[in-house]
């Protein structure tokens, strides 16, 4: 699946968006474990909750 297609969709059971990683390492590791324990999926870093790709 293409990243652009994932970004256009919404967050859900198998997709989670994170704007950045630095101060959210614990939160992201929890997300990775949750998705791994479910059916697998994607965590997109650099995408906000409004499905916008952030350029920092």
Protein backbone atom coordinates (compact mmCIF):
# COMPACT_ATOMS: atom_id res chain seq x y z
CA UNK A 1 0.00 0.00 0.00
CA UNK A 2 1.28 3.48 -0.86
CA UNK A 3 1.89 6.01 1.94
CA UNK A 4 -0.23 8.63 0.15
CA UNK A 5 -3.19 6.21 0.18
CA UNK A 6 -2.75 5.61 3.92
CA UNK A 7 -2.58 9.36 4.61
CA UNK A 8 -5.78 10.03 2.63
CA UNK A 9 -7.62 7.48 4.76
CA UNK A 10 -8.41 7.89 8.40
CA UNK A 11 -6.70 6.59 11.49
CA UNK A 12 -8.20 3.34 12.60
CA UNK A 13 -7.58 -0.16 13.89
CA UNK A 14 -4.51 -0.71 11.67
CA UNK A 15 -3.32 2.85 10.96
CA UNK A 16 -2.08 5.50 13.37
CA UNK A 17 -0.61 8.95 12.63
CA UNK A 18 2.12 10.63 14.70
CA UNK A 19 3.46 14.12 13.96
CA UNK A 20 6.82 13.47 15.60
CA UNK A 21 8.66 10.95 17.73
CA UNK A 22 11.08 12.74 20.09
CA UNK A 23 8.95 13.31 23.19
CA UNK A 24 6.44 10.58 22.36
CA UNK A 25 8.71 7.52 22.40
CA UNK A 26 6.66 5.72 25.09
CA UNK A 27 3.38 6.46 23.33
CA UNK A 28 4.74 5.24 20.00
CA UNK A 29 6.16 2.07 21.51
CA UNK A 30 2.72 1.38 23.02
CA UNK A 31 1.16 1.88 19.56
CA UNK A 32 3.68 -0.50 17.96
CA UNK A 33 2.91 -3.19 20.53
CA UNK A 34 -0.84 -2.68 20.11
CA UNK A 35 -0.73 -2.92 16.33
CA UNK A 36 1.64 -5.91 16.47
CA UNK A 37 -0.68 -7.71 18.87
CA UNK A 38 -3.68 -7.00 16.65
CA UNK A 39 -3.59 -7.80 12.94
CA UNK A 40 -0.55 -5.69 12.02
CA UNK A 41 -0.77 -2.29 10.38
CA UNK A 42 1.02 1.00 9.92
CA UNK A 43 2.19 3.91 12.07
CA UNK A 44 2.89 6.99 9.97
CA UNK A 45 5.24 9.46 11.63
CA UNK A 46 4.94 12.98 10.25
CA UNK A 47 1.18 12.85 9.66
CA UNK A 48 -1.21 14.76 11.91
CA UNK A 49 -4.75 13.82 12.95
CA UNK A 50 -6.19 15.88 10.08
CA UNK A 51 -4.39 13.57 7.58
CA UNK A 52 -1.84 16.25 6.64
CA UNK A 53 1.79 15.39 6.00
CA UNK A 54 3.96 17.71 8.08
CA UNK A 55 7.19 19.10 6.59
CA UNK A 56 9.55 19.99 9.43
